[in-house]
Amino acid sequence: MQLGYTILYVPDVPTTLKFYEAAFGLTTRFLHESGDYGELETGSTALAFSSHRLMQQLGKNPQAASPTAPCFEIALCTPDVAAALERAVAAGATPMRPVEVMPWGQTIAYVADINGFLVELCTPMA
């Protein structure tokens, strides 16, 4: 098997896609005409978003994300974590952890996106 995509449930899919474009430089791969589902171009595995409204119609009970009590984390790799952190915050992300070099040599920082999802900005693992 292969991981095809990850879907996060959000109140507003088009706004979320625009935020990810501005904050992280990702591009929209697909947005359904209803505005209830969209995907970002992130390589072989897509990062997708579905609206709370659609999930409720499908019988699910989506909950709001909490960056202070996360149950999920998105990791976006970049060679320049400091610049990525600055760009994300300028686009509306909430800084959660400053740039730090980890004992294993990876540089990391954390932000919360506009929906409360925790996003790790990190250098690729060696």
PDB file of N, CA and C in Angstrom:
ATOM      1  N   MET A   1       0.829  -1.189   0.000  1.00  0.00           N
ATOM      2  CA  MET A   1       0.000   0.000   0.000  1.00  0.00           C
ATOM      3  C   MET A   1       0.870   1.248   0.000  1.00  0.00           C
ATOM      4  N   GLN A   2       0.261   2.355  -0.408  1.00  0.00           N
ATOM      5  CA  GLN A   2       0.900   3.656  -0.379  1.00  0.00           C
ATOM      6  C   GLN A   2      -0.053   4.654   0.240  1.00  0.00           C
ATOM      7  N   LEU A   3       0.496   5.629   0.936  1.00  0.00           N
ATOM      8  CA  LEU A   3      -0.317   6.721   1.463  1.00  0.00           C
ATOM      9  C   LEU A   3      -0.664   7.640   0.304  1.00  0.00           C
ATOM     10  N   GLY A   4      -1.946   7.776  -0.002  1.00  0.00           N
ATOM     11  CA  GLY A   4      -2.387   8.582  -1.139  1.00  0.00           C
ATOM     12  C   GLY A   4      -2.591  10.046  -0.805  1.00  0.00           C
ATOM     13  N   TYR A   5      -3.240  10.300   0.339  1.00  0.00           N
ATOM     14  CA  TYR A   5      -3.487  11.666   0.758  1.00  0.00           C
ATOM     15  C   TYR A   5      -3.908  11.675   2.217  1.00  0.00           C
ATOM     16  N   THR A   6      -3.786  12.817   2.820  1.00  0.00           N
ATOM     17  CA  THR A   6      -4.271  13.058   4.167  1.00  0.00           C
ATOM     18  C   THR A   6      -5.321  14.149   4.053  1.00  0.00           C
ATOM     19  N   ILE A   7      -6.470  13.951   4.698  1.00  0.00           N
ATOM     20  CA  ILE A   7      -7.555  14.936   4.633  1.00  0.00           C
ATOM     21  C   ILE A   7      -7.751  15.539   6.012  1.00  0.00           C
ATOM     22  N   LEU A   8      -7.679  16.857   6.090  1.00  0.00           N
ATOM     23  CA  LEU A   8      -7.961  17.582   7.319  1.00  0.00           C
ATOM     24  C   LEU A   8      -9.316  18.260   7.179  1.00  0.00           C
ATOM     25  N   TYR A   9     -10.086  18.247   8.233  1.00  0.00           N
ATOM     26  CA  TYR A   9     -11.428  18.835   8.215  1.00  0.00           C
ATOM     27  C   TYR A   9     -11.337  20.283   8.690  1.00  0.00           C
ATOM     28  N   VAL A  10     -11.840  21.199   7.872  1.00  0.00           N
ATOM     29  CA  VAL A  10     -11.721  22.631   8.137  1.00  0.00           C
ATOM     30  C   VAL A  10     -13.062  23.328   7.880  1.00  0.00           C
ATOM     31  N   PRO A  11     -13.271  24.484   8.485  1.00  0.00           N
ATOM     32  CA  PRO A  11     -14.522  25.213   8.240  1.00  0.00           C
ATOM     33  C   PRO A  11     -14.646  25.737   6.807  1.00  0.00           C
ATOM     34  N   ASP A  12     -13.523  26.177   6.206  1.00  0.00           N
ATOM     35  CA  ASP A  12     -13.573  26.851   4.917  1.00  0.00           C
ATOM     36  C   ASP A  12     -12.412  26.375   4.051  1.00  0.00           C
ATOM     37  N   VAL A  13     -12.694  25.512   3.096  1.00  0.00           N
ATOM     38  CA  VAL A  13     -11.647  24.927   2.260  1.00  0.00           C
ATOM     39  C   VAL A  13     -10.959  25.968   1.376  1.00  0.00           C
ATOM     40  N   PRO A  14     -11.677  26.811   0.600  1.00  0.00           N
ATOM     41  CA  PRO A  14     -10.982  27.777  -0.245  1.00  0.00           C
ATOM     42  C   PRO A  14     -10.064  28.727   0.540  1.00  0.00           C
ATOM     43  N   THR A  15     -10.519  29.190   1.700  1.00  0.00           N
ATOM     44  CA  THR A  15      -9.686  30.077   2.525  1.00  0.00           C
ATOM     45  C   THR A  15      -8.449  29.342   3.019  1.00  0.00           C
ATOM     46  N   THR A  16      -8.615  28.087   3.388  1.00  0.00           N
ATOM     47  CA  THR A  16      -7.483  27.290   3.848  1.00  0.00           C
ATOM     48  C   THR A  16      -6.464  27.088   2.733  1.00  0.00           C
ATOM     49  N   LEU A  17      -6.926  26.783   1.523  1.00  0.00           N
ATOM     50  CA  LEU A  17      -6.007  26.616   0.397  1.00  0.00           C
ATOM     51  C   LEU A  17      -5.231  27.907   0.136  1.00  0.00           C
ATOM     52  N   LYS A  18      -5.918  29.037   0.164  1.00  0.00           N
ATOM     53  CA  LYS A  18      -5.246  30.327  -0.059  1.00  0.00           C
ATOM     54  C   LYS A  18      -4.210  30.598   1.026  1.00  0.00           C
ATOM     55  N   PHE A  19      -4.542  30.252   2.270  1.00  0.00           N
ATOM     56  CA  PHE A  19      -3.590  30.427   3.367  1.00  0.00           C
ATOM     57  C   PHE A  19      -2.342  29.572   3.131  1.00  0.00           C
ATOM     58  N   TYR A  20      -2.503  28.319   2.777  1.00  0.00           N
ATOM     59  CA  TYR A  20      -1.350  27.436   2.562  1.00  0.00           C
ATOM     60  C   TYR A  20      -0.502  27.897   1.378  1.00  0.00           C
ATOM     61  N   GLU A  21      -1.137  28.478   0.374  1.00  0.00           N
ATOM     62  CA  GLU A  21      -0.377  29.048  -0.736  1.00  0.00           C
ATOM     63  C   GLU A  21       0.483  30.215  -0.254  1.00  0.00           C
ATOM     64  N   ALA A  22      -0.113  31.118   0.519  1.00  0.00           N
ATOM     65  CA  ALA A  22       0.611  32.299   0.998  1.00  0.00           C
ATOM     66  C   ALA A  22       1.639  31.952   2.071  1.00  0.00           C
ATOM     67  N   ALA A  23       1.272  31.090   2.998  1.00  0.00           N
ATOM     68  CA  ALA A  23       2.130  30.799   4.142  1.00  0.00           C
ATOM     69  C   ALA A  23       3.275  29.857   3.807  1.00  0.00           C
ATOM     70  N   PHE A  24       3.024  28.886   2.924  1.00  0.00           N
ATOM     71  CA  PHE A  24       4.011  27.843   2.704  1.00  0.00           C
ATOM     72  C   PHE A  24       4.424  27.668   1.242  1.00  0.00           C
ATOM     73  N   GLY A  25       3.867  28.484   0.353  1.00  0.00           N
ATOM     74  CA  GLY A  25       4.255  28.415  -1.050  1.00  0.00           C
ATOM     75  C   GLY A  25       3.736  27.199  -1.791  1.00  0.00           C
ATOM     76  N   LEU A  26       2.733  26.523  -1.245  1.00  0.00           N
ATOM     77  CA  LEU A  26       2.153  25.366  -1.920  1.00  0.00           C
ATOM     78  C   LEU A  26       1.122  25.839  -2.947  1.00  0.00           C
ATOM     79  N   THR A  27       0.829  24.995  -3.924  1.00  0.00           N
ATOM     80  CA  THR A  27      -0.152  25.358  -4.941  1.00  0.00           C
ATOM     81  C   THR A  27      -1.348  24.408  -4.875  1.00  0.00           C
ATOM     82  N   THR A  28      -2.490  24.934  -5.248  1.00  0.00           N
ATOM     83  CA  THR A  28      -3.699  24.134  -5.263  1.00  0.00           C
ATOM     84  C   THR A  28      -3.675  23.183  -6.442  1.00  0.00           C
ATOM     85  N   ARG A  29      -3.874  21.909  -6.154  1.00  0.00           N
ATOM     86  CA  ARG A  29      -3.949  20.868  -7.178  1.00  0.00           C
ATOM     87  C   ARG A  29      -5.385  20.745  -7.685  1.00  0.00           C
ATOM     88  N   PHE A  30      -6.338  20.892  -6.744  1.00  0.00           N
ATOM     89  CA  PHE A  30      -7.737  20.665  -7.091  1.00  0.00           C
ATOM     90  C   PHE A  30      -8.624  21.345  -6.053  1.00  0.00           C
ATOM     91  N   LEU A  31      -9.689  21.988  -6.518  1.00  0.00           N
ATOM     92  CA  LEU A  31     -10.739  22.506  -5.655  1.00  0.00           C
ATOM     93  C   LEU A  31     -12.066  22.166  -6.311  1.00  0.00           C
ATOM     94  N   HIS A  32     -12.886  21.375  -5.611  1.00  0.00           N
ATOM     95  CA  HIS A  32     -14.189  21.005  -6.151  1.00  0.00           C
ATOM     96  C   HIS A  32     -15.057  22.251  -6.287  1.00  0.00           C
ATOM     97  N   GLU A  33     -15.922  22.269  -7.290  1.00  0.00           N
ATOM     98  CA  GLU A  33     -16.775  23.437  -7.544  1.00  0.00           C
ATOM     99  C   GLU A  33     -17.647  23.803  -6.348  1.00  0.00           C
ATOM    100  N   SER A  34     -17.955  22.846  -5.485  1.00  0.00           N
ATOM    101  CA  SER A  34     -18.758  23.123  -4.291  1.00  0.00           C
ATOM    102  C   SER A  34     -17.963  23.899  -3.235  1.00  0.00           C
ATOM    103  N   GLY A  35     -16.643  23.846  -3.345  1.00  0.00           N
ATOM    104  CA  GLY A  35     -15.780  24.469  -2.331  1.00  0.00           C
ATOM    105  C   GLY A  35     -15.613  23.622  -1.091  1.00  0.00           C
ATOM    106  N   ASP A  36     -16.162  22.403  -1.107  1.00  0.00           N
ATOM    107  CA  ASP A  36     -16.123  21.548   0.080  1.00  0.00           C
ATOM    108  C   ASP A  36     -14.940  20.593   0.133  1.00  0.00           C
ATOM    109  N   TYR A  37     -14.153  20.513  -0.933  1.00  0.00           N
ATOM    110  CA  TYR A  37     -12.994  19.623  -0.945  1.00  0.00           C
ATOM    111  C   TYR A  37     -11.920  20.211  -1.839  1.00  0.00           C
ATOM    112  N   GLY A  38     -10.677  20.147  -1.365  1.00  0.00           N
ATOM    113  CA  GLY A  38      -9.559  20.635  -2.161  1.00  0.00           C
ATOM    114  C   GLY A  38      -8.278  19.934  -1.778  1.00  0.00           C
ATOM    115  N   GLU A  39      -7.305  19.958  -2.698  1.00  0.00           N
ATOM    116  CA  GLU A  39      -6.004  19.342  -2.469  1.00  0.00           C
ATOM    117  C   GLU A  39      -4.899  20.311  -2.831  1.00  0.00           C
ATOM    118  N   LEU A  40      -3.792  20.174  -2.118  1.00  0.00           N
ATOM    119  CA  LEU A  40      -2.587  20.939  -2.417  1.00  0.00           C
ATOM    120  C   LEU A  40      -1.575  20.044  -3.108  1.00  0.00           C
ATOM    121  N   GLU A  41      -0.770  20.627  -3.949  1.00  0.00           N
ATOM    122  CA  GLU A  41       0.321  19.912  -4.611  1.00  0.00           C
ATOM    123  C   GLU A  41       1.468  19.828  -3.616  1.00  0.00           C
ATOM    124  N   THR A  42       1.731  18.622  -3.119  1.00  0.00           N
ATOM    125  CA  THR A  42       2.774  18.440  -2.104  1.00  0.00           C
ATOM    126  C   THR A  42       3.691  17.270  -2.434  1.00  0.00           C
ATOM    127  N   GLY A  43       3.722  16.852  -3.676  1.00  0.00           N
ATOM    128  CA  GLY A  43       4.527  15.698  -4.048  1.00  0.00           C
ATOM    129  C   GLY A  43       3.642  14.495  -4.272  1.00  0.00           C
ATOM    130  N   SER A  44       4.165  13.323  -3.986  1.00  0.00           N
ATOM    131  CA  SER A  44       3.413  12.106  -4.287  1.00  0.00           C
ATOM    132  C   SER A  44       2.221  11.894  -3.361  1.00  0.00           C
ATOM    133  N   THR A  45       2.237  12.483  -2.180  1.00  0.00           N
ATOM    134  CA  THR A  45       1.118  12.382  -1.247  1.00  0.00           C
ATOM    135  C   THR A  45       0.486  13.754  -1.104  1.00  0.00           C
ATOM    136  N   ALA A  46      -0.784  13.869  -1.430  1.00  0.00           N
ATOM    137  CA  ALA A  46      -1.469  15.166  -1.386  1.00  0.00           C
ATOM    138  C   ALA A  46      -1.931  15.493   0.027  1.00  0.00           C
ATOM    139  N   LEU A  47      -1.893  16.763   0.354  1.00  0.00           N
ATOM    140  CA  LEU A  47      -2.521  17.281   1.562  1.00  0.00           C
ATOM    141  C   LEU A  47      -3.866  17.830   1.124  1.00  0.00           C
ATOM    142  N   ALA A  48      -4.937  17.259   1.680  1.00  0.00           N
ATOM    143  CA  ALA A  48      -6.289  17.608   1.246  1.00  0.00           C
ATOM    144  C   ALA A  48      -7.090  18.175   2.414  1.00  0.00           C
ATOM    145  N   PHE A  49      -8.147  18.898   2.073  1.00  0.00           N
ATOM    146  CA  PHE A  49      -9.023  19.512   3.062  1.00  0.00           C
ATOM    147  C   PHE A  49     -10.468  19.268   2.662  1.00  0.00           C
ATOM    148  N   SER A  50     -11.290  18.950   3.648  1.00  0.00           N
ATOM    149  CA  SER A  50     -12.718  18.768   3.430  1.00  0.00           C
ATOM    150  C   SER A  50     -13.451  19.643   4.436  1.00  0.00           C
ATOM    151  N   SER A  51     -14.565  20.205   4.018  1.00  0.00           N
ATOM    152  CA  SER A  51     -15.291  21.126   4.890  1.00  0.00           C
ATOM    153  C   SER A  51     -16.014  20.385   6.009  1.00  0.00           C
ATOM    154  N   HIS A  52     -16.131  21.046   7.142  1.00  0.00           N
ATOM    155  CA  HIS A  52     -16.925  20.512   8.243  1.00  0.00           C
ATOM    156  C   HIS A  52     -18.338  20.204   7.764  1.00  0.00           C
ATOM    157  N   ARG A  53     -18.888  21.090   6.946  1.00  0.00           N
ATOM    158  CA  ARG A  53     -20.258  20.926   6.443  1.00  0.00           C
ATOM    159  C   ARG A  53     -20.422  19.608   5.691  1.00  0.00           C
ATOM    160  N   LEU A  54     -19.477  19.324   4.790  1.00  0.00           N
ATOM    161  CA  LEU A  54     -19.549  18.081   4.023  1.00  0.00           C
ATOM    162  C   LEU A  54     -19.405  16.871   4.948  1.00  0.00           C
ATOM    163  N   MET A  55     -18.505  16.955   5.885  1.00  0.00           N
ATOM    164  CA  MET A  55     -18.307  15.825   6.805  1.00  0.00           C
ATOM    165  C   MET A  55     -19.565  15.577   7.639  1.00  0.00           C
ATOM    166  N   GLN A  56     -20.235  16.645   8.053  1.00  0.00           N
ATOM    167  CA  GLN A  56     -21.489  16.496   8.797  1.00  0.00           C
ATOM    168  C   GLN A  56     -22.562  15.854   7.921  1.00  0.00           C
ATOM    169  N   GLN A  57     -22.604  16.235   6.643  1.00  0.00           N
ATOM    170  CA  GLN A  57     -23.566  15.625   5.710  1.00  0.00           C
ATOM    171  C   GLN A  57     -23.296  14.128   5.542  1.00  0.00           C
ATOM    172  N   LEU A  58     -22.022  13.741   5.695  1.00  0.00           N
ATOM    173  CA  LEU A  58     -21.636  12.340   5.546  1.00  0.00           C
ATOM    174  C   LEU A  58     -21.728  11.571   6.865  1.00  0.00           C
ATOM    175  N   GLY A  59     -22.276  12.230   7.903  1.00  0.00           N
ATOM    176  CA  GLY A  59     -22.494  11.558   9.171  1.00  0.00           C
ATOM    177  C   GLY A  59     -21.315  11.569  10.117  1.00  0.00           C
ATOM    178  N   LYS A  60     -20.314  12.381   9.825  1.00  0.00           N
ATOM    179  CA  LYS A  60     -19.147  12.485  10.706  1.00  0.00           C
ATOM    180  C   LYS A  60     -19.332  13.678  11.631  1.00  0.00           C
ATOM    181  N   ASN A  61     -18.586  13.690  12.707  1.00  0.00           N
ATOM    182  CA  ASN A  61     -18.670  14.773  13.686  1.00  0.00           C
ATOM    183  C   ASN A  61     -17.294  15.431  13.824  1.00  0.00           C
ATOM    184  N   PRO A  62     -16.899  16.270  12.862  1.00  0.00           N
ATOM    185  CA  PRO A  62     -15.559  16.860  12.906  1.00  0.00           C
ATOM    186  C   PRO A  62     -15.396  17.801  14.095  1.00  0.00           C
ATOM    187  N   GLN A  63     -14.200  17.790  14.646  1.00  0.00           N
ATOM    188  CA  GLN A  63     -13.862  18.639  15.784  1.00  0.00           C
ATOM    189  C   GLN A  63     -12.805  19.658  15.356  1.00  0.00           C
ATOM    190  N   ALA A  64     -12.782  20.776  16.026  1.00  0.00           N
ATOM    191  CA  ALA A  64     -11.776  21.798  15.746  1.00  0.00           C
ATOM    192  C   ALA A  64     -10.415  21.324  16.240  1.00  0.00           C
ATOM    193  N   ALA A  65      -9.375  21.666  15.495  1.00  0.00           N
ATOM    194  CA  ALA A  65      -8.002  21.338  15.888  1.00  0.00           C
ATOM    195  C   ALA A  65      -7.557  22.264  17.008  1.00  0.00           C
ATOM    196  N   SER A  66      -6.617  21.804  17.823  1.00  0.00           N
ATOM    197  CA  SER A  66      -6.056  22.617  18.890  1.00  0.00           C
ATOM    198  C   SER A  66      -4.539  22.513  18.859  1.00  0.00           C
ATOM    199  N   PRO A  67      -3.836  23.615  18.585  1.00  0.00           N
ATOM    200  CA  PRO A  67      -2.375  23.545  18.520  1.00  0.00           C
ATOM    201  C   PRO A  67      -1.723  23.307  19.879  1.00  0.00           C
ATOM    202  N   THR A  68      -2.449  23.564  20.967  1.00  0.00           N
ATOM    203  CA  THR A  68      -1.870  23.328  22.295  1.00  0.00           C
ATOM    204  C   THR A  68      -2.163  21.922  22.802  1.00  0.00           C
ATOM    205  N   ALA A  69      -3.046  21.211  22.129  1.00  0.00           N
ATOM    206  CA  ALA A  69      -3.339  19.813  22.455  1.00  0.00           C
ATOM    207  C   ALA A  69      -3.513  19.058  21.136  1.00  0.00           C
ATOM    208  N   PRO A  70      -2.461  19.010  20.322  1.00  0.00           N
ATOM    209  CA  PRO A  70      -2.603  18.431  18.983  1.00  0.00           C
ATOM    210  C   PRO A  70      -2.738  16.913  19.021  1.00  0.00           C
ATOM    211  N   CYS A  71      -3.454  16.408  18.036  1.00  0.00           N
ATOM    212  CA  CYS A  71      -3.514  14.960  17.831  1.00  0.00           C
ATOM    213  C   CYS A  71      -2.960  14.634  16.448  1.00  0.00           C
ATOM    214  N   PHE A  72      -2.438  15.652  15.766  1.00  0.00           N
ATOM    215  CA  PHE A  72      -1.965  15.510  14.400  1.00  0.00           C
ATOM    216  C   PHE A  72      -0.964  16.619  14.136  1.00  0.00           C
ATOM    217  N   GLU A  73      -0.002  16.336  13.282  1.00  0.00           N
ATOM    218  CA  GLU A  73       1.014  17.331  12.934  1.00  0.00           C
ATOM    219  C   GLU A  73       1.333  17.198  11.458  1.00  0.00           C
ATOM    220  N   ILE A  74       1.444  18.316  10.780  1.00  0.00           N
ATOM    221  CA  ILE A  74       1.869  18.349   9.384  1.00  0.00           C
ATOM    222  C   ILE A  74       3.336  18.761   9.396  1.00  0.00           C
ATOM    223  N   ALA A  75       4.192  18.051   8.704  1.00  0.00           N
ATOM    224  CA  ALA A  75       5.606  18.421   8.619  1.00  0.00           C
ATOM    225  C   ALA A  75       5.915  18.852   7.190  1.00  0.00           C
ATOM    226  N   LEU A  76       6.404  20.069   7.043  1.00  0.00           N
ATOM    227  CA  LEU A  76       6.799  20.597   5.740  1.00  0.00           C
ATOM    228  C   LEU A  76       8.303  20.822   5.762  1.00  0.00           C
ATOM    229  N   CYS A  77       9.009  20.166   4.840  1.00  0.00           N
ATOM    230  CA  CYS A  77      10.470  20.243   4.799  1.00  0.00           C
ATOM    231  C   CYS A  77      10.928  21.415   3.936  1.00  0.00           C
ATOM    232  N   THR A  78      11.974  22.072   4.409  1.00  0.00           N
ATOM    233  CA  THR A  78      12.539  23.222   3.722  1.00  0.00           C
ATOM    234  C   THR A  78      14.005  23.356   4.112  1.00  0.00           C
ATOM    235  N   PRO A  79      14.854  23.852   3.229  1.00  0.00           N
ATOM    236  CA  PRO A  79      16.248  24.061   3.615  1.00  0.00           C
ATOM    237  C   PRO A  79      16.444  25.287   4.509  1.00  0.00           C
ATOM    238  N   ASP A  80      15.452  26.209   4.546  1.00  0.00           N
ATOM    239  CA  ASP A  80      15.579  27.443   5.327  1.00  0.00           C
ATOM    240  C   ASP A  80      14.377  27.597   6.259  1.00  0.00           C
ATOM    241  N   VAL A  81      14.485  27.006   7.441  1.00  0.00           N
ATOM    242  CA  VAL A  81      13.388  27.011   8.401  1.00  0.00           C
ATOM    243  C   VAL A  81      13.075  28.429   8.878  1.00  0.00           C
ATOM    244  N   ALA A  82      14.088  29.237   9.122  1.00  0.00           N
ATOM    245  CA  ALA A  82      13.860  30.604   9.611  1.00  0.00           C
ATOM    246  C   ALA A  82      13.054  31.418   8.613  1.00  0.00           C
ATOM    247  N   ALA A  83      13.401  31.333   7.336  1.00  0.00           N
ATOM    248  CA  ALA A  83      12.651  32.068   6.309  1.00  0.00           C
ATOM    249  C   ALA A  83      11.228  31.520   6.184  1.00  0.00           C
ATOM    250  N   ALA A  84      11.073  30.203   6.292  1.00  0.00           N
ATOM    251  CA  ALA A  84       9.738  29.602   6.207  1.00  0.00           C
ATOM    252  C   ALA A  84       8.873  30.044   7.379  1.00  0.00           C
ATOM    253  N   LEU A  85       9.460  30.117   8.558  1.00  0.00           N
ATOM    254  CA  LEU A  85       8.731  30.574   9.742  1.00  0.00           C
ATOM    255  C   LEU A  85       8.281  32.023   9.559  1.00  0.00           C
ATOM    256  N   GLU A  86       9.165  32.863   9.082  1.00  0.00           N
ATOM    257  CA  GLU A  86       8.840  34.278   8.863  1.00  0.00           C
ATOM    258  C   GLU A  86       7.703  34.425   7.851  1.00  0.00           C
ATOM    259  N   ARG A  87       7.769  33.679   6.755  1.00  0.00           N
ATOM    260  CA  ARG A  87       6.733  33.742   5.718  1.00  0.00           C
ATOM    261  C   ARG A  87       5.381  33.276   6.269  1.00  0.00           C
ATOM    262  N   ALA A  88       5.399  32.173   7.017  1.00  0.00           N
ATOM    263  CA  ALA A  88       4.155  31.624   7.558  1.00  0.00           C
ATOM    264  C   ALA A  88       3.491  32.602   8.523  1.00  0.00           C
ATOM    265  N   VAL A  89       4.271  33.191   9.399  1.00  0.00           N
ATOM    266  CA  VAL A  89       3.726  34.144  10.377  1.00  0.00           C
ATOM    267  C   VAL A  89       3.188  35.387   9.661  1.00  0.00           C
ATOM    268  N   ALA A  90       3.906  35.854   8.644  1.00  0.00           N
ATOM    269  CA  ALA A  90       3.438  37.013   7.879  1.00  0.00           C
ATOM    270  C   ALA A  90       2.104  36.734   7.185  1.00  0.00           C
ATOM    271  N   ALA A  91       1.843  35.461   6.855  1.00  0.00           N
ATOM    272  CA  ALA A  91       0.597  35.091   6.181  1.00  0.00           C
ATOM    273  C   ALA A  91      -0.536  34.794   7.157  1.00  0.00           C
ATOM    274  N   GLY A  92      -0.246  34.849   8.463  1.00  0.00           N
ATOM    275  CA  GLY A  92      -1.310  34.645   9.440  1.00  0.00           C
ATOM    276  C   GLY A  92      -1.169  33.437  10.338  1.00  0.00           C
ATOM    277  N   ALA A  93      -0.089  32.672  10.186  1.00  0.00           N
ATOM    278  CA  ALA A  93       0.140  31.534  11.077  1.00  0.00           C
ATOM    279  C   ALA A  93       0.521  32.053  12.465  1.00  0.00           C
ATOM    280  N   THR A  94       0.233  31.259  13.481  1.00  0.00           N
ATOM    281  CA  THR A  94       0.581  31.610  14.849  1.00  0.00           C
ATOM    282  C   THR A  94       1.864  30.883  15.224  1.00  0.00           C
ATOM    283  N   PRO A  95       2.912  31.620  15.616  1.00  0.00           N
ATOM    284  CA  PRO A  95       4.150  30.932  16.010  1.00  0.00           C
ATOM    285  C   PRO A  95       3.918  30.118  17.282  1.00  0.00           C
ATOM    286  N   MET A  96       4.407  28.883  17.279  1.00  0.00           N
ATOM    287  CA  MET A  96       4.245  27.992  18.425  1.00  0.00           C
ATOM    288  C   MET A  96       5.577  27.611  19.059  1.00  0.00           C
ATOM    289  N   ARG A  97       6.635  27.545  18.257  1.00  0.00           N
ATOM    290  CA  ARG A  97       7.963  27.204  18.760  1.00  0.00           C
ATOM    291  C   ARG A  97       8.992  27.825  17.829  1.00  0.00           C
ATOM    292  N   PRO A  98       9.979  28.530  18.372  1.00  0.00           N
ATOM    293  CA  PRO A  98      10.963  29.196  17.514  1.00  0.00           C
ATOM    294  C   PRO A  98      11.907  28.196  16.846  1.00  0.00           C
ATOM    295  N   VAL A  99      12.705  28.701  15.946  1.00  0.00           N
ATOM    296  CA  VAL A  99      13.697  27.882  15.252  1.00  0.00           C
ATOM    297  C   VAL A  99      14.652  27.283  16.280  1.00  0.00           C
ATOM    298  N   GLU A 100      14.877  25.988  16.128  1.00  0.00           N
ATOM    299  CA  GLU A 100      15.734  25.274  17.077  1.00  0.00           C
ATOM    300  C   GLU A 100      16.435  24.135  16.344  1.00  0.00           C
ATOM    301  N   VAL A 101      17.704  23.921  16.673  1.00  0.00           N
ATOM    302  CA  VAL A 101      18.436  22.786  16.127  1.00  0.00           C
ATOM    303  C   VAL A 101      18.309  21.642  17.122  1.00  0.00           C
ATOM    304  N   MET A 102      17.814  20.523  16.637  1.00  0.00           N
ATOM    305  CA  MET A 102      17.595  19.362  17.483  1.00  0.00           C
ATOM    306  C   MET A 102      18.896  18.577  17.677  1.00  0.00           C
ATOM    307  N   PRO A 103      18.984  17.756  18.713  1.00  0.00           N
ATOM    308  CA  PRO A 103      20.214  16.996  18.974  1.00  0.00           C
ATOM    309  C   PRO A 103      20.650  16.120  17.796  1.00  0.00           C
ATOM    310  N   TRP A 104      19.726  15.692  16.948  1.00  0.00           N
ATOM    311  CA  TRP A 104      20.072  14.842  15.810  1.00  0.00           C
ATOM    312  C   TRP A 104      20.431  15.660  14.569  1.00  0.00           C
ATOM    313  N   GLY A 105      20.489  17.008  14.714  1.00  0.00           N
ATOM    314  CA  GLY A 105      20.966  17.865  13.632  1.00  0.00           C
ATOM    315  C   GLY A 105      19.900  18.517  12.783  1.00  0.00           C
ATOM    316  N   GLN A 106      18.663  18.135  12.945  1.00  0.00           N
ATOM    317  CA  GLN A 106      17.571  18.719  12.161  1.00  0.00           C
ATOM    318  C   GLN A 106      17.162  20.059  12.771  1.00  0.00           C
ATOM    319  N   THR A 107      16.893  21.043  11.920  1.00  0.00           N
ATOM    320  CA  THR A 107      16.395  22.337  12.371  1.00  0.00           C
ATOM    321  C   THR A 107      14.873  22.320  12.250  1.00  0.00           C
ATOM    322  N   ILE A 108      14.192  22.803  13.304  1.00  0.00           N
ATOM    323  CA  ILE A 108      12.732  22.773  13.320  1.00  0.00           C
ATOM    324  C   ILE A 108      12.163  24.085  13.853  1.00  0.00           C
ATOM    325  N   ALA A 109      10.909  24.319  13.570  1.00  0.00           N
ATOM    326  CA  ALA A 109      10.097  25.386  14.171  1.00  0.00           C
ATOM    327  C   ALA A 109       8.657  24.938  14.012  1.00  0.00           C
ATOM    328  N   TYR A 110       7.761  25.504  14.811  1.00  0.00           N
ATOM    329  CA  TYR A 110       6.351  25.137  14.728  1.00  0.00           C
ATOM    330  C   TYR A 110       5.474  26.373  14.636  1.00  0.00           C
ATOM    331  N   VAL A 111       4.410  26.246  13.845  1.00  0.00           N
ATOM    332  CA  VAL A 111       3.348  27.252  13.770  1.00  0.00           C
ATOM    333  C   VAL A 111       2.016  26.527  13.848  1.00  0.00           C
ATOM    334  N   ALA A 112       0.974  27.277  14.136  1.00  0.00           N
ATOM    335  CA  ALA A 112      -0.391  26.778  14.002  1.00  0.00           C
ATOM    336  C   ALA A 112      -0.981  27.444  12.778  1.00  0.00           C
ATOM    337  N   ASP A 113      -1.659  26.677  11.940  1.00  0.00           N
ATOM    338  CA  ASP A 113      -2.299  27.269  10.768  1.00  0.00           C
ATOM    339  C   ASP A 113      -3.572  27.999  11.190  1.00  0.00           C
ATOM    340  N   ILE A 114      -4.299  28.563  10.252  1.00  0.00           N
ATOM    341  CA  ILE A 114      -5.485  29.365  10.577  1.00  0.00           C
ATOM    342  C   ILE A 114      -6.627  28.536  11.149  1.00  0.00           C
ATOM    343  N   ASN A 115      -6.510  27.201  11.056  1.00  0.00           N
ATOM    344  CA  ASN A 115      -7.538  26.312  11.598  1.00  0.00           C
ATOM    345  C   ASN A 115      -7.118  25.670  12.911  1.00  0.00           C
ATOM    346  N   GLY A 116      -5.906  25.962  13.371  1.00  0.00           N
ATOM    347  CA  GLY A 116      -5.411  25.390  14.617  1.00  0.00           C
ATOM    348  C   GLY A 116      -4.592  24.124  14.451  1.00  0.00           C
ATOM    349  N   PHE A 117      -4.325  23.702  13.211  1.00  0.00           N
ATOM    350  CA  PHE A 117      -3.483  22.523  13.011  1.00  0.00           C
ATOM    351  C   PHE A 117      -2.021  22.888  13.230  1.00  0.00           C
ATOM    352  N   LEU A 118      -1.300  22.016  13.903  1.00  0.00           N
ATOM    353  CA  LEU A 118       0.109  22.217  14.172  1.00  0.00           C
ATOM    354  C   LEU A 118       0.913  21.868  12.926  1.00  0.00           C
ATOM    355  N   VAL A 119       1.798  22.783  12.516  1.00  0.00           N
ATOM    356  CA  VAL A 119       2.633  22.575  11.338  1.00  0.00           C
ATOM    357  C   VAL A 119       4.089  22.688  11.762  1.00  0.00           C
ATOM    358  N   GLU A 120       4.840  21.612  11.526  1.00  0.00           N
ATOM    359  CA  GLU A 120       6.275  21.627  11.772  1.00  0.00           C
ATOM    360  C   GLU A 120       6.972  22.071  10.502  1.00  0.00           C
ATOM    361  N   LEU A 121       7.841  23.037  10.620  1.00  0.00           N
ATOM    362  CA  LEU A 121       8.707  23.457   9.520  1.00  0.00           C
ATOM    363  C   LEU A 121      10.074  22.866   9.859  1.00  0.00           C
ATOM    364  N   CYS A 122      10.645  22.086   8.959  1.00  0.00           N
ATOM    365  CA  CYS A 122      11.863  21.378   9.320  1.00  0.00           C
ATOM    366  C   CYS A 122      12.773  21.173   8.110  1.00  0.00           C
ATOM    367  N   THR A 123      14.052  21.032   8.429  1.00  0.00           N
ATOM    368  CA  THR A 123      14.990  20.646   7.374  1.00  0.00           C
ATOM    369  C   THR A 123      14.811  19.154   7.135  1.00  0.00           C
ATOM    370  N   PRO A 124      15.132  18.700   5.918  1.00  0.00           N
ATOM    371  CA  PRO A 124      15.022  17.265   5.635  1.00  0.00           C
ATOM    372  C   PRO A 124      15.974  16.482   6.555  1.00  0.00           C
ATOM    373  N   MET A 125      15.580  15.265   6.873  1.00  0.00           N
ATOM    374  CA  MET A 125      16.459  14.390   7.646  1.00  0.00           C
ATOM    375  C   MET A 125      17.604  13.929   6.766  1.00  0.00           C
ATOM    376  N   ALA A 126      18.786  13.884   7.340  1.00  0.00           N
ATOM    377  CA  ALA A 126      19.975  13.476   6.572  1.00  0.00           C
ATOM    378  C   ALA A 126      19.915  11.995   6.247  1.00  0.00           C
TER     379      ALA A 126
END
